Amino acid sequence: MYGTLRGALAGRKIAFDRESFKAMVEGRISGIGKTIRITSIHVHYDVAVPADARDATERALQLHPQGCPAHQSVKDAIRISWDATVRVGDQTITVREEDAAGSP
């Protein structure tokens, strides 16, 4: 998902800071002993973009799971969620998957 979002930002010609763009991933597992199962994955992005790129960045975030082959491959078996801290010029906003649920 990280690579897909990075590509979506680059494709929209958003000048994001590639050095500080980060993703932290947390997974949950269930099971005992040798038989375990990944039950959920949560991705938190941290990215800085120019102030005039806010709308395009939010659209890229909203749409990136649909374009991610890994997400599409496991989404029916593993719950995947995401959120993002986006530094937009002098502001910091949080965008969540739930915010994108009703978006096209």
Protein backbone atom coordinates (compact mmCIF):
# COMPACT_ATOMS: atom_id res chain seq x y z
CA MET A 1 0.00 0.00 0.00
CA TYR A 2 2.90 2.33 0.75
CA GLY A 3 4.27 1.95 -2.76
CA THR A 4 0.83 2.36 -4.31
CA LEU A 5 0.21 5.57 -2.37
CA ARG A 6 3.68 6.85 -3.24
CA GLY A 7 2.92 6.17 -6.92
CA ALA A 8 -0.49 7.86 -6.64
CA LEU A 9 1.10 11.00 -5.19
CA ALA A 10 3.83 11.03 -7.84
CA GLY A 11 1.29 10.39 -10.59
CA ARG A 12 -0.69 13.43 -9.46
CA LYS A 13 2.57 15.43 -9.52
CA ILE A 14 2.29 16.17 -5.80
CA ALA A 15 5.68 17.32 -4.51
CA PHE A 16 5.75 15.27 -1.30
CA ASP A 17 8.83 14.95 0.87
CA ARG A 18 10.13 11.50 -0.07
CA GLU A 19 12.62 11.45 2.81
CA SER A 20 10.03 11.99 5.54
CA PHE A 21 7.18 9.98 3.95
CA LYS A 22 6.68 7.05 6.31
CA ALA A 23 4.29 4.21 6.91
CA MET A 24 3.99 2.37 10.21
CA VAL A 25 2.27 -0.99 10.04
CA GLU A 26 0.64 -2.88 12.88
CA GLY A 27 -0.70 -6.39 12.53
CA ARG A 28 -2.85 -8.55 14.75
CA ILE A 29 -2.62 -12.30 14.85
CA SER A 30 -4.72 -15.03 16.40
CA GLY A 31 -4.07 -18.67 17.07
CA ILE A 32 -1.99 -20.83 19.27
CA GLY A 33 1.32 -22.57 18.67
CA LYS A 34 2.28 -23.29 15.09
CA THR A 35 -1.09 -22.35 13.67
CA ILE A 36 -1.51 -18.61 13.65
CA ARG A 37 -3.45 -16.30 11.39
CA ILE A 38 -3.12 -12.62 10.56
CA THR A 39 -6.50 -11.14 11.41
CA SER A 40 -5.93 -7.45 10.71
CA ILE A 41 -3.40 -4.94 9.43
CA HIS A 42 -3.43 -1.22 10.10
CA VAL A 43 -1.25 1.21 8.15
CA HIS A 44 -0.53 4.73 9.42
CA TYR A 45 0.99 7.13 6.91
CA ASP A 46 2.90 10.31 7.70
CA VAL A 47 3.47 12.60 4.73
CA ALA A 48 4.16 16.29 4.04
CA VAL A 49 2.71 17.99 0.94
CA PRO A 50 2.38 21.58 -0.31
CA ALA A 51 -0.70 23.52 0.81
CA ASP A 52 -2.17 23.57 -2.68
CA ALA A 53 -2.05 19.75 -2.88
CA ARG A 54 -4.50 18.98 -0.07
CA ASP A 55 -7.46 17.91 -2.22
CA ALA A 56 -5.33 15.80 -4.57
CA THR A 57 -3.57 14.17 -1.62
CA GLU A 58 -6.87 13.30 0.05
CA ARG A 59 -8.13 11.78 -3.22
CA ALA A 60 -4.93 9.74 -3.57
CA LEU A 61 -5.38 8.45 -0.02
CA GLN A 62 -9.02 7.59 -0.61
CA LEU A 63 -8.33 5.66 -3.79
CA HIS A 64 -4.97 3.98 -3.12
CA PRO A 65 -6.35 0.73 -1.61
CA GLN A 66 -8.32 0.07 -4.80
CA GLY A 67 -5.13 0.30 -6.86
CA CYS A 68 -2.95 -1.80 -4.56
CA PRO A 69 -2.46 -5.40 -5.75
CA ALA A 70 -1.50 -6.63 -2.25
CA HIS A 71 -4.59 -5.04 -0.69
CA GLN A 72 -6.84 -6.44 -3.37
CA SER A 73 -5.31 -9.91 -2.95
CA VAL A 74 -5.92 -10.24 0.79
CA LYS A 75 -8.79 -7.85 1.59
CA ASP A 76 -11.38 -10.63 1.81
CA ALA A 77 -9.28 -12.64 4.26
CA ILE A 78 -7.60 -9.93 6.36
CA ARG A 79 -9.14 -6.70 7.63
CA ILE A 80 -6.96 -3.85 6.37
CA SER A 81 -7.39 -0.29 7.61
CA TRP A 82 -5.40 2.92 7.25
CA ASP A 83 -5.13 6.49 8.43
CA ALA A 84 -2.76 9.32 7.65
CA THR A 85 -1.22 12.35 9.28
CA VAL A 86 -0.76 14.84 6.47
CA ARG A 87 1.24 17.99 6.94
CA VAL A 88 -0.29 20.40 4.46
CA GLY A 89 1.71 23.60 4.39
CA ASP A 90 1.42 24.94 7.96
CA GLN A 91 -1.51 22.66 8.91
CA THR A 92 -1.60 19.07 10.08
CA ILE A 93 -4.69 17.05 9.21
CA THR A 94 -5.73 13.48 9.85
CA VAL A 95 -7.39 11.49 7.10
CA ARG A 96 -8.96 8.14 7.95
CA GLU A 97 -10.28 5.29 5.92
CA GLU A 98 -13.70 5.98 7.39
CA ASP A 99 -13.56 9.49 5.91
CA ALA A 100 -13.14 7.90 2.50
CA ALA A 101 -15.92 5.32 2.87
CA GLY A 102 -18.54 7.46 1.18
CA SER A 103 -16.19 8.89 -1.42
CA PRO A 104 -16.11 7.79 -5.04
